Amino acid sequence: MQNSSENLTISGEESRSALAEKLPAQLFPPPSVVWMAGAAAVIFFLCSSLRHALFQSTAWDLGIFDQVIYLISQGKAPISSFLGFHIMGDHASLIFYILSLFYKIYPDVHWLFAVQAVALAVGALPVWSLANLAGLNREKSAAMAAVYLLYPVVFNINLFDFHPEIIALPAILWAILAARLSQPWRFCTAVIVILGCKGVLALTVAAMGLWLLLFERESLSGREKRVKRAIALFAIISGTAWFLIVTQAIIPGFRGTESGSIGRYAYLGNSVLEIAGNLLLKPGLVLGKILSFDTFKYLFLLILPVIWGLSPRYLTPLVGALPTLVLNVLSQEPFQRSLAYQYSLPVIPFLLLAVISKEEGRRKKEEGEEGEKTPITNYRLPIPNLNAPKTVIIWSLIMFLLLGESKDFWLYLNRADTAPASREAVSQIQPQASVLTDNRLAAHLAHRPKIKALSQISSEADAVNFDSVLLNLRHPWPDTKQMGDRTANYLKQSPNFKLQYQKDDVWLFQKIGENR
């Protein structure tokens, strides 16, 4: 076994956990990787904050989560006026109660942007550790961390409002690292964090446990085998149990009905259990979905950023990603198969692990059974390959530019002309006023018990049920443009409202005679 400060490799006779005990410092990323993750966190935070400042954030989902976290911090029931029910009836995200502690310090949506940026960026650290633990040298491990940070979904999800499952992304990676090091308490802690982020991630936890139980086998001591078996069983049991508790008790209890996501799979049944039964008993119902061009396109784009590092022989880590892939492929909503949204997030850890597994297998083959390295014939070829880390990073950067949503900033800037007027109008709305507005403006008015989007009213006459109505008629939300125009015309004629503010096609109507 080679043992130097620059390279950490493992012989076929030595387990990862035994090596970790001997060389714990080797498993902590070097300063260069920490600085890279820190820089990414700053960039992520600035991008999401700028998007919000330009009034491009939305009620779905930033406004919803900002509102309920604020209500929790104020000791009030987190009943979203957008959803109309307790937030636990949405995705059973217990993590909101932890996030509300930041709002107790100071209630501001930028806490969510900061948490999201740090959570996404810090995932690069366990990626480096997993790569280094697999025997990749520091340069190759750093390249894998860069691949993670440049993976398009990571940036895209940061740019799309806020979602609690981003906290689960680094937790999944830390859980895998803890499992490979036979550290049960760290593994269990990471699993609890994952389960608290979003109910459906329980399926990912259970699948991860199945992968660990069936495919993560090494030459281990008897104690290590028992620990890893216990870890795997804990993931399977806790994931399965939590999924049943969430779908059969928590969500129906707080919502009054099954999860709203059920409608995306209506062709399979009207409940979680019915859908699960039909998947097992009537596989023909989904065959057309699985074999469709839409599915192949989605899977191709998903693996394209790391296609250079995948091999059929080393795809077993993707067992952990199967629940996410199945849910996305079978959904009737196309956005679940888009890299612009959060739905593919749980796939990333297992996709990167498949790449690392291939590189680990190649390293062992090159070293041979006795640990003697064989020549690397393709080291200098300018193709994406971890033997040429710079080429891999260039490939990742190209994929980031092609599939990332950074180009949306040009669209944001085209709408920036109304941002100052929107900011002035928002400042004139009293904190306790009930508000009707559009999807983009709503994200700036969420710290109040009652706020709704134009898409939630049946006619313009419903505007009389609110204290304030804020509209951007120059850059309206596309789906409610006509409703916005009708509402503005209605309120101009209403004796109960006055036009409080008008500039750059931003209109603020306020009810007359209200004590604000």
Protein backbone atom coordinates (compact mmCIF):
# COMPACT_ATOMS: atom_id res chain seq x y z
CA MET A 1 0.00 0.00 0.00
CA GLN A 2 1.28 3.46 -0.90
CA ASN A 3 1.19 5.88 1.99
CA SER A 4 2.25 9.49 1.49
CA SER A 5 0.90 12.93 2.24
CA GLU A 6 -0.12 13.35 -1.38
CA ASN A 7 -1.84 10.07 -2.10
CA LEU A 8 -4.03 7.65 -0.20
CA THR A 9 -4.54 4.20 -1.68
CA ILE A 10 -5.88 0.98 -0.28
CA SER A 11 -4.72 -2.53 -0.96
CA GLY A 12 -7.18 -5.27 -1.64
CA GLU A 13 -6.43 -6.80 1.77
CA GLU A 14 -7.21 -3.69 3.82
CA SER A 15 -10.66 -2.32 4.57
CA ARG A 16 -11.51 1.35 4.16
CA SER A 17 -12.42 1.63 7.83
CA ALA A 18 -9.10 0.15 8.98
CA LEU A 19 -7.24 2.59 6.78
CA ALA A 20 -9.31 5.48 8.09
CA GLU A 21 -8.26 4.62 11.63
CA LYS A 22 -4.60 4.78 10.61
CA LEU A 23 -4.82 7.93 8.49
CA PRO A 24 -7.72 10.08 9.75
CA ALA A 25 -6.13 13.34 8.58
CA GLN A 26 -6.00 12.00 5.02
CA LEU A 27 -9.80 11.87 4.93
CA PHE A 28 -10.26 15.57 5.64
CA PRO A 29 -10.20 17.73 2.50
CA PRO A 30 -7.16 19.95 2.01
CA PRO A 31 -7.49 23.76 2.34
CA SER A 32 -7.77 24.18 -1.43
CA VAL A 33 -10.98 22.12 -1.52
CA VAL A 34 -12.37 23.86 1.56
CA TRP A 35 -11.70 27.23 -0.06
CA MET A 36 -13.32 26.00 -3.29
CA ALA A 37 -16.45 24.98 -1.39
CA GLY A 38 -16.44 28.30 0.49
CA ALA A 39 -16.18 30.27 -2.74
CA ALA A 40 -19.04 28.22 -4.20
CA ALA A 41 -21.18 28.98 -1.13
CA VAL A 42 -20.58 32.72 -1.58
CA ILE A 43 -21.42 32.54 -5.30
CA PHE A 44 -24.56 30.49 -4.63
CA PHE A 45 -25.72 32.95 -1.96
CA LEU A 46 -25.09 36.01 -4.12
CA CYS A 47 -26.88 34.49 -7.12
CA SER A 48 -30.01 33.50 -5.19
CA SER A 49 -30.05 36.85 -3.35
CA LEU A 50 -29.69 38.77 -6.61
CA ARG A 51 -32.51 36.78 -8.20
CA HIS A 52 -34.70 37.64 -5.22
CA ALA A 53 -33.71 41.32 -5.33
CA LEU A 54 -34.75 41.41 -8.99
CA PHE A 55 -38.21 40.10 -8.00
CA GLN A 56 -37.80 36.76 -9.74
CA SER A 57 -38.42 34.53 -6.71
CA THR A 58 -41.87 32.98 -6.49
CA ALA A 59 -44.59 32.11 -4.02
CA TRP A 60 -44.16 28.47 -5.10
CA ASP A 61 -41.99 27.61 -3.31
CA LEU A 62 -40.04 30.37 -1.58
CA GLY A 63 -43.10 32.31 -0.42
CA ILE A 64 -44.68 29.20 1.09
CA PHE A 65 -41.62 28.15 3.06
CA ASP A 66 -40.67 31.69 4.10
CA GLN A 67 -44.19 32.26 5.42
CA VAL A 68 -44.44 29.08 7.50
CA ILE A 69 -40.93 29.39 8.93
CA TYR A 70 -41.74 32.96 9.94
CA LEU A 71 -45.00 31.86 11.57
CA ILE A 72 -43.20 29.12 13.53
CA SER A 73 -40.63 31.65 14.74
CA GLN A 74 -43.48 33.83 16.00
CA GLY A 75 -45.06 30.96 17.92
CA LYS A 76 -47.97 30.68 15.49
CA ALA A 77 -49.35 27.64 13.69
CA PRO A 78 -47.53 27.19 10.35
CA ILE A 79 -50.66 27.21 8.25
CA SER A 80 -49.77 28.45 4.79
CA SER A 81 -52.29 30.82 3.26
CA PHE A 82 -51.01 29.70 -0.14
CA LEU A 83 -51.69 26.04 0.58
CA GLY A 84 -54.56 26.45 3.02
CA PHE A 85 -53.30 23.85 5.51
CA HIS A 86 -50.56 23.12 8.06
CA ILE A 87 -47.13 22.81 6.43
CA MET A 88 -46.68 19.29 7.82
CA GLY A 89 -49.46 18.27 5.47
CA ASP A 90 -47.25 19.22 2.53
CA HIS A 91 -44.10 17.08 2.78
CA ALA A 92 -43.76 16.50 6.54
CA SER A 93 -40.58 18.59 6.61
CA LEU A 94 -39.61 18.74 10.28
CA ILE A 95 -36.50 20.70 9.34
CA PHE A 96 -38.63 23.87 9.18
CA TYR A 97 -38.76 23.93 12.97
CA ILE A 98 -34.96 23.96 13.09
CA LEU A 99 -34.76 26.67 10.43
CA SER A 100 -37.17 28.83 12.42
CA LEU A 101 -34.44 29.31 15.04
CA PHE A 102 -32.62 31.58 12.57
CA TYR A 103 -35.79 33.64 12.17
CA LYS A 104 -35.92 34.09 15.94
CA ILE A 105 -32.61 35.94 15.65
CA TYR A 106 -33.89 38.07 12.79
CA PRO A 107 -36.77 37.16 10.44
CA ASP A 108 -35.35 37.47 6.95
CA VAL A 109 -35.57 35.25 3.89
CA HIS A 110 -31.82 35.57 3.28
CA TRP A 111 -31.29 33.01 6.06
CA LEU A 112 -32.80 30.45 3.70
CA PHE A 113 -30.53 31.52 0.85
CA ALA A 114 -27.52 31.24 3.17
CA VAL A 115 -28.50 27.80 4.51
CA GLN A 116 -29.13 26.57 0.99
CA ALA A 117 -25.83 27.93 -0.35
CA VAL A 118 -23.80 26.42 2.48
CA ALA A 119 -25.61 23.05 2.32
CA LEU A 120 -25.04 22.72 -1.42
CA ALA A 121 -21.42 23.83 -1.29
CA VAL A 122 -20.43 21.76 1.72
CA GLY A 123 -21.40 18.60 -0.19
CA ALA A 124 -18.07 18.94 -2.02
CA LEU A 125 -16.24 17.97 1.17
CA PRO A 126 -17.64 14.43 1.60
CA VAL A 127 -17.29 13.95 -2.16
CA TRP A 128 -13.56 14.61 -1.79
CA SER A 129 -13.35 12.29 1.21
CA LEU A 130 -15.21 9.49 -0.56
CA ALA A 131 -12.93 9.80 -3.58
CA ASN A 132 -9.80 9.88 -1.43
CA LEU A 133 -11.04 6.93 0.63
CA ALA A 134 -11.48 5.00 -2.63
CA GLY A 135 -7.79 5.48 -3.32
CA LEU A 136 -7.87 8.46 -5.68
CA ASN A 137 -5.03 10.89 -5.11
CA ARG A 138 -5.63 14.46 -3.95
CA GLU A 139 -5.70 15.93 -7.42
CA LYS A 140 -8.30 13.45 -8.67
CA SER A 141 -10.33 13.80 -5.48
CA ALA A 142 -10.33 17.59 -5.90
CA ALA A 143 -11.49 17.10 -9.48
CA MET A 144 -14.44 15.04 -8.21
CA ALA A 145 -15.32 17.82 -5.76
CA ALA A 146 -15.26 20.27 -8.68
CA VAL A 147 -17.46 17.92 -10.75
CA TYR A 148 -19.99 18.00 -7.92
CA LEU A 149 -19.98 21.80 -7.63
CA LEU A 150 -20.31 22.22 -11.40
CA TYR A 151 -23.04 19.60 -11.76
CA PRO A 152 -25.89 21.64 -13.34
CA VAL A 153 -28.64 20.54 -10.92
CA VAL A 154 -26.63 21.84 -7.95
CA PHE A 155 -26.59 25.38 -9.33
CA ASN A 156 -30.10 25.18 -10.76
CA ILE A 157 -31.70 24.19 -7.48
CA ASN A 158 -29.85 26.99 -5.72
CA LEU A 159 -31.30 29.46 -8.21
CA PHE A 160 -34.85 28.12 -7.93
CA ASP A 161 -36.13 29.63 -4.67
CA PHE A 162 -35.55 27.42 -1.60
CA HIS A 163 -36.28 23.76 -0.91
CA PRO A 164 -35.63 21.84 2.32
CA GLU A 165 -34.32 18.76 0.54
CA ILE A 166 -31.10 20.60 -0.34
CA ILE A 167 -30.06 20.02 3.27
CA ALA A 168 -30.42 16.29 2.62
CA LEU A 169 -27.91 16.37 -0.24
CA PRO A 170 -24.75 16.69 1.90
CA ALA A 171 -26.41 14.52 4.56
CA ILE A 172 -26.71 11.64 2.05
CA LEU A 173 -23.04 12.01 1.17
CA TRP A 174 -22.02 12.10 4.85
CA ALA A 175 -24.19 9.03 5.49
CA ILE A 176 -22.43 7.09 2.73
CA LEU A 177 -19.03 8.14 4.08
CA ALA A 178 -20.03 7.13 7.62
CA ALA A 179 -21.24 3.76 6.33
CA ARG A 180 -17.96 3.10 4.54
CA LEU A 181 -16.06 3.99 7.71
CA SER A 182 -18.35 1.83 9.88
CA GLN A 183 -19.43 4.82 11.99
CA PRO A 184 -23.00 3.96 13.05
CA TRP A 185 -23.76 7.05 15.14
CA ARG A 186 -22.73 9.45 12.40
CA PHE A 187 -24.67 7.39 9.89
CA CYS A 188 -27.82 7.40 12.03
CA THR A 189 -27.55 11.15 12.62
CA ALA A 190 -27.25 11.80 8.88
CA VAL A 191 -30.26 9.55 8.18
CA ILE A 192 -32.38 11.42 10.74
CA VAL A 193 -31.48 14.71 9.05
CA ILE A 194 -32.44 13.28 5.64
CA LEU A 195 -35.79 12.01 6.90
CA GLY A 196 -36.55 15.37 8.50
CA CYS A 197 -36.05 17.26 5.25
CA LYS A 198 -38.83 15.72 3.17
CA GLY A 199 -41.04 12.69 3.62
CA VAL A 200 -40.43 11.17 0.19
CA LEU A 201 -36.69 11.00 0.91
CA ALA A 202 -37.52 8.07 3.18
CA LEU A 203 -37.58 5.97 0.00
CA THR A 204 -34.06 7.13 -0.82
CA VAL A 205 -32.91 6.17 2.68
CA ALA A 206 -34.45 2.71 2.37
CA ALA A 207 -32.91 2.20 -1.08
CA MET A 208 -29.53 3.35 0.23
CA GLY A 209 -29.79 0.75 2.97
CA LEU A 210 -30.61 -1.95 0.42
CA TRP A 211 -27.56 -0.97 -1.63
CA LEU A 212 -25.33 -1.09 1.44
CA LEU A 213 -26.70 -4.48 2.44
CA LEU A 214 -26.39 -6.13 -0.97
CA PHE A 215 -23.42 -4.54 -2.68
CA GLU A 216 -21.10 -2.91 -0.16
CA ARG A 217 -19.11 -6.01 0.74
CA GLU A 218 -15.41 -6.00 1.52
CA SER A 219 -12.86 -8.06 3.36
CA LEU A 220 -13.94 -6.94 6.82
CA SER A 221 -13.53 -8.21 10.33
CA GLY A 222 -16.48 -9.85 12.03
CA ARG A 223 -17.29 -6.72 14.03
CA GLU A 224 -17.17 -4.47 10.95
CA LYS A 225 -19.49 -6.81 9.08
CA ARG A 226 -21.99 -6.66 11.93
CA VAL A 227 -21.77 -2.87 12.11
CA LYS A 228 -22.31 -2.45 8.38
CA ARG A 229 -25.19 -4.89 8.39
CA ALA A 230 -26.78 -3.00 11.29
CA ILE A 231 -26.29 0.31 9.47
CA ALA A 232 -27.93 -1.04 6.33
CA LEU A 233 -30.87 -2.52 8.24
CA PHE A 234 -31.35 0.72 10.15
CA ALA A 235 -31.64 2.61 6.86
CA ILE A 236 -34.08 0.09 5.37
CA ILE A 237 -36.30 -0.10 8.45
CA SER A 238 -36.29 3.60 9.33
CA GLY A 239 -36.82 4.66 5.71
CA THR A 240 -39.71 2.26 5.15
CA ALA A 241 -41.34 3.03 8.50
CA TRP A 242 -41.06 6.80 8.10
CA PHE A 243 -42.49 6.69 4.58
CA LEU A 244 -45.54 4.78 5.84
CA ILE A 245 -45.96 7.11 8.82
CA VAL A 246 -45.69 10.21 6.64
CA THR A 247 -48.00 9.05 3.85
CA GLN A 248 -50.58 7.25 5.98
CA ALA A 249 -50.70 9.42 9.11
CA ILE A 250 -48.87 12.76 9.12
CA ILE A 251 -49.81 14.18 5.72
CA PRO A 252 -53.46 13.00 5.79
CA GLY A 253 -53.75 14.15 9.40
CA PHE A 254 -52.60 17.70 8.72
CA ARG A 255 -53.90 18.01 5.16
CA GLY A 256 -57.15 16.09 5.39
CA THR A 257 -56.36 14.17 2.19
CA GLU A 258 -53.55 12.21 0.62
CA SER A 259 -50.48 14.08 -0.60
CA GLY A 260 -51.12 16.48 -3.46
CA SER A 261 -48.36 14.76 -5.42
CA ILE A 262 -50.63 11.74 -5.84
CA GLY A 263 -52.35 13.55 -8.70
CA ARG A 264 -49.18 13.28 -10.75
CA TYR A 265 -49.66 9.51 -10.81
CA ALA A 266 -53.45 9.41 -11.17
CA TYR A 267 -53.24 6.82 -13.95
CA LEU A 268 -51.78 4.40 -11.39
CA GLY A 269 -54.26 4.91 -8.57
CA ASN A 270 -55.78 7.31 -6.06
CA SER A 271 -53.58 6.59 -3.04
CA VAL A 272 -49.98 5.76 -2.19
CA LEU A 273 -50.80 2.14 -1.39
CA GLU A 274 -52.90 1.69 -4.51
CA ILE A 275 -50.13 3.12 -6.69
CA ALA A 276 -47.56 0.85 -5.04
CA GLY A 277 -49.81 -2.15 -5.57
CA ASN A 278 -50.38 -1.38 -9.24
CA LEU A 279 -46.64 -0.94 -9.82
CA LEU A 280 -46.10 -4.48 -8.55
CA LEU A 281 -49.19 -6.17 -9.97
CA LYS A 282 -49.69 -4.24 -13.24
CA PRO A 283 -46.24 -3.32 -14.58
CA GLY A 284 -47.72 -2.89 -18.05
CA LEU A 285 -49.29 0.38 -16.92
CA VAL A 286 -45.88 2.03 -16.74
CA LEU A 287 -44.06 0.32 -19.60
CA GLY A 288 -44.94 3.08 -22.06
CA LYS A 289 -43.61 5.73 -19.69
CA ILE A 290 -40.36 3.88 -19.06
CA LEU A 291 -39.64 3.25 -22.74
CA SER A 292 -40.59 6.72 -23.96
CA PHE A 293 -38.33 9.23 -25.70
CA ASP A 294 -39.03 11.64 -22.83
CA THR A 295 -37.53 9.18 -20.36
CA PHE A 296 -34.44 8.46 -22.46
CA LYS A 297 -33.86 12.18 -22.95
CA TYR A 298 -34.16 12.83 -19.23
CA LEU A 299 -31.77 10.05 -18.28
CA PHE A 300 -29.27 11.09 -20.95
CA LEU A 301 -29.19 14.71 -19.78
CA LEU A 302 -28.94 13.56 -16.18
CA ILE A 303 -25.84 11.44 -16.76
CA LEU A 304 -24.25 13.62 -19.47
CA PRO A 305 -22.13 15.71 -17.04
CA VAL A 306 -20.47 12.52 -15.73
CA ILE A 307 -20.96 10.18 -18.66
CA TRP A 308 -17.19 9.94 -19.05
CA GLY A 309 -16.91 8.26 -15.65
CA LEU A 310 -19.70 5.69 -15.81
CA SER A 311 -19.36 2.00 -16.52
CA PRO A 312 -22.09 -0.69 -16.44
CA ARG A 313 -19.93 -2.75 -14.09
CA TYR A 314 -19.92 -0.04 -11.42
CA LEU A 315 -23.51 1.21 -11.45
CA THR A 316 -24.63 -0.57 -8.28
CA PRO A 317 -24.62 2.68 -6.23
CA LEU A 318 -27.52 3.84 -8.40
CA VAL A 319 -29.73 1.43 -6.45
CA GLY A 320 -29.97 4.28 -3.95
CA ALA A 321 -31.22 6.60 -6.69
CA LEU A 322 -33.92 4.23 -8.02
CA PRO A 323 -36.88 5.65 -6.01
CA THR A 324 -36.15 9.16 -7.27
CA LEU A 325 -35.69 8.01 -10.85
CA VAL A 326 -38.90 5.95 -10.76
CA LEU A 327 -40.93 8.83 -9.32
CA ASN A 328 -39.60 11.27 -11.91
CA VAL A 329 -40.00 8.95 -14.89
CA LEU A 330 -43.55 7.91 -13.99
CA SER A 331 -44.82 11.38 -13.17
CA GLN A 332 -47.27 13.03 -15.55
CA GLU A 333 -45.61 16.38 -14.86
CA PRO A 334 -42.72 17.08 -17.29
CA PHE A 335 -40.98 19.42 -14.84
CA GLN A 336 -40.03 16.42 -12.69
CA ARG A 337 -37.76 15.37 -15.54
CA SER A 338 -36.17 18.78 -15.92
CA LEU A 339 -32.71 19.61 -14.58
CA ALA A 340 -34.00 23.07 -13.71
CA TYR A 341 -35.89 21.80 -10.66
CA GLN A 342 -35.11 19.98 -7.42
CA TYR A 343 -36.59 16.61 -8.26
CA SER A 344 -33.34 14.98 -9.43
CA LEU A 345 -31.33 16.16 -6.43
CA PRO A 346 -31.19 12.78 -4.57
CA VAL A 347 -29.66 11.14 -7.65
CA ILE A 348 -26.46 13.20 -7.52
CA PRO A 349 -24.69 11.46 -4.59
CA PHE A 350 -25.16 8.00 -6.07
CA LEU A 351 -24.24 9.14 -9.58
CA LEU A 352 -20.95 10.57 -8.31
CA LEU A 353 -20.37 7.45 -6.24
CA ALA A 354 -20.73 5.34 -9.40
CA VAL A 355 -17.96 7.43 -10.99
CA ILE A 356 -15.76 7.04 -7.90
CA SER A 357 -16.41 3.28 -7.85
CA LYS A 358 -15.26 2.99 -11.45
CA GLU A 359 -12.07 4.91 -10.70
CA GLU A 360 -11.48 2.76 -7.62
CA GLY A 361 -11.88 -0.39 -9.71
CA ARG A 362 -9.53 0.90 -12.35
CA ARG A 363 -6.93 1.80 -9.72
CA LYS A 364 -7.05 -1.68 -8.24
CA LYS A 365 -6.73 -3.22 -11.70
CA GLU A 366 -3.76 -1.03 -12.55
CA GLU A 367 -2.02 -1.85 -9.28
CA GLY A 368 -2.66 -5.56 -9.60
CA GLU A 369 -3.13 -8.02 -6.79
CA GLU A 370 0.27 -7.22 -5.30
CA GLY A 371 -0.30 -3.47 -5.31
CA GLU A 372 2.24 -2.82 -8.10
CA LYS A 373 1.10 -0.14 -10.49
CA THR A 374 0.88 -0.83 -14.20
CA PRO A 375 1.49 1.88 -16.79
CA ILE A 376 -1.40 4.22 -17.56
CA THR A 377 -1.45 4.36 -21.34
CA ASN A 378 -4.17 6.98 -21.81
CA TYR A 379 -3.04 9.51 -19.22
CA ARG A 380 -2.21 12.19 -21.76
CA LEU A 381 -5.26 11.81 -23.95
CA PRO A 382 -7.35 15.04 -23.90
CA ILE A 383 -10.63 13.31 -23.10
CA PRO A 384 -12.72 13.49 -19.92
CA ASN A 385 -10.89 11.11 -17.61
CA LEU A 386 -9.77 11.44 -14.01
CA ASN A 387 -6.25 10.59 -15.18
CA ALA A 388 -6.47 14.04 -16.75
CA PRO A 389 -8.31 16.06 -14.07
CA LYS A 390 -8.13 19.35 -15.96
CA THR A 391 -10.00 17.80 -18.90
CA VAL A 392 -12.70 16.56 -16.54
CA ILE A 393 -13.13 20.04 -15.06
CA ILE A 394 -13.32 21.59 -18.54
CA TRP A 395 -16.00 19.06 -19.50
CA SER A 396 -17.93 19.84 -16.31
CA LEU A 397 -17.70 23.55 -17.02
CA ILE A 398 -19.06 23.05 -20.54
CA MET A 399 -21.96 21.00 -19.15
CA PHE A 400 -22.60 23.69 -16.55
CA LEU A 401 -22.84 26.35 -19.27
CA LEU A 402 -25.08 24.18 -21.46
CA LEU A 403 -27.42 22.72 -18.84
CA GLY A 404 -27.18 25.23 -16.01
CA GLU A 405 -29.70 28.02 -15.51
CA SER A 406 -27.12 30.81 -15.14
CA LYS A 407 -28.24 32.11 -18.54
CA ASP A 408 -31.57 33.00 -16.94
CA PHE A 409 -29.93 36.06 -15.45
CA TRP A 410 -30.22 37.74 -18.86
CA LEU A 411 -33.97 37.20 -18.67
CA TYR A 412 -34.02 38.55 -15.12
CA LEU A 413 -32.22 41.70 -16.21
CA ASN A 414 -34.79 42.26 -18.95
CA ARG A 415 -37.44 42.52 -16.22
CA ALA A 416 -35.33 44.59 -13.84
CA ASP A 417 -36.82 47.90 -14.97
CA THR A 418 -39.78 47.48 -12.59
CA ALA A 419 -37.76 46.28 -9.58
CA PRO A 420 -37.33 49.75 -7.95
CA ALA A 421 -41.05 50.50 -8.28
CA SER A 422 -41.94 47.07 -6.93
CA ARG A 423 -39.68 47.67 -3.94
CA GLU A 424 -41.32 51.03 -3.21
CA ALA A 425 -44.80 49.55 -3.48
CA VAL A 426 -43.94 46.67 -1.15
CA SER A 427 -42.62 49.12 1.46
CA GLN A 428 -46.03 50.85 1.55
CA ILE A 429 -47.96 47.72 2.50
CA GLN A 430 -48.54 47.44 6.24
CA PRO A 431 -47.18 44.34 8.04
CA GLN A 432 -50.58 43.00 9.09
CA ALA A 433 -52.41 43.75 5.84
CA SER A 434 -53.83 40.86 3.85
CA VAL A 435 -52.45 40.92 0.32
CA LEU A 436 -53.39 39.68 -3.13
CA THR A 437 -50.58 39.75 -5.67
CA ASP A 438 -48.85 37.70 -8.37
CA ASN A 439 -46.49 34.77 -8.01
CA ARG A 440 -43.27 36.81 -8.14
CA LEU A 441 -44.25 39.70 -5.88
CA ALA A 442 -45.69 37.32 -3.27
CA ALA A 443 -42.23 36.10 -2.26
CA HIS A 444 -41.51 39.61 -0.86
CA LEU A 445 -44.69 39.77 1.22
CA ALA A 446 -44.74 36.38 2.91
CA HIS A 447 -44.33 37.54 6.53
CA ARG A 448 -48.02 37.92 7.17
CA PRO A 449 -50.82 35.47 7.99
CA LYS A 450 -52.85 36.05 4.82
CA ILE A 451 -51.37 36.42 1.37
CA LYS A 452 -52.56 34.80 -1.83
CA ALA A 453 -51.56 34.73 -5.48
CA LEU A 454 -53.80 35.77 -8.36
CA SER A 455 -53.99 32.14 -9.45
CA GLN A 456 -55.92 31.37 -6.26
CA ILE A 457 -58.95 33.61 -6.88
CA SER A 458 -61.83 32.65 -9.13
CA SER A 459 -62.68 36.18 -10.35
CA GLU A 460 -61.47 39.75 -10.02
CA ALA A 461 -64.32 40.48 -7.63
CA ASP A 462 -62.56 38.31 -5.01
CA ALA A 463 -60.02 41.12 -4.61
CA VAL A 464 -62.41 42.85 -2.18
CA ASN A 465 -61.47 40.23 0.42
CA PHE A 466 -57.99 41.73 0.78
CA ASP A 467 -56.61 44.92 2.31
CA SER A 468 -53.99 45.46 -0.41
CA VAL A 469 -53.66 44.35 -4.02
CA LEU A 470 -50.25 44.64 -5.69
CA LEU A 471 -49.86 44.11 -9.44
CA ASN A 472 -47.06 44.32 -11.97
CA LEU A 473 -48.82 44.85 -15.28
CA ARG A 474 -45.62 45.27 -17.33
CA HIS A 475 -44.04 41.96 -16.32
CA PRO A 476 -46.90 39.85 -14.98
CA TRP A 477 -46.72 36.17 -14.13
CA PRO A 478 -47.67 34.58 -17.50
CA ASP A 479 -50.41 32.32 -16.13
CA THR A 480 -52.28 35.20 -14.45
CA LYS A 481 -51.74 38.06 -16.89
CA GLN A 482 -55.41 38.29 -17.86
CA MET A 483 -56.55 38.02 -14.25
CA GLY A 484 -54.18 40.84 -13.31
CA ASP A 485 -55.54 43.11 -16.04
CA ARG A 486 -59.15 42.39 -15.08
CA THR A 487 -58.40 42.92 -11.38
CA ALA A 488 -56.73 46.29 -12.04
CA ASN A 489 -59.69 47.49 -14.14
CA TYR A 490 -62.15 46.27 -11.50
CA LEU A 491 -60.38 48.00 -8.61
CA LYS A 492 -60.07 51.28 -10.51
CA GLN A 493 -63.86 51.39 -10.61
CA SER A 494 -64.40 50.12 -7.06
CA PRO A 495 -65.48 52.72 -4.45
CA ASN A 496 -63.88 50.57 -1.73
CA PHE A 497 -60.31 50.85 -3.04
CA LYS A 498 -57.94 53.66 -3.91
CA LEU A 499 -54.84 53.59 -6.10
CA GLN A 500 -52.17 54.10 -3.46
CA TYR A 501 -49.13 53.81 -5.75
CA GLN A 502 -48.47 53.69 -9.50
CA LYS A 503 -45.11 53.71 -11.24
CA ASP A 504 -43.60 51.74 -14.14
CA ASP A 505 -46.84 49.76 -14.47
CA VAL A 506 -46.62 48.64 -10.84
CA TRP A 507 -50.01 49.29 -9.21
CA LEU A 508 -50.85 49.17 -5.52
CA PHE A 509 -54.50 49.35 -4.49
CA GLN A 510 -55.47 49.65 -0.83
CA LYS A 511 -58.87 49.28 0.78
CA ILE A 512 -60.38 52.54 1.98
CA GLY A 513 -61.14 52.97 5.68
CA GLU A 514 -59.02 50.07 6.96
CA ASN A 515 -57.14 50.69 10.21
CA ARG A 516 -53.58 49.82 9.23
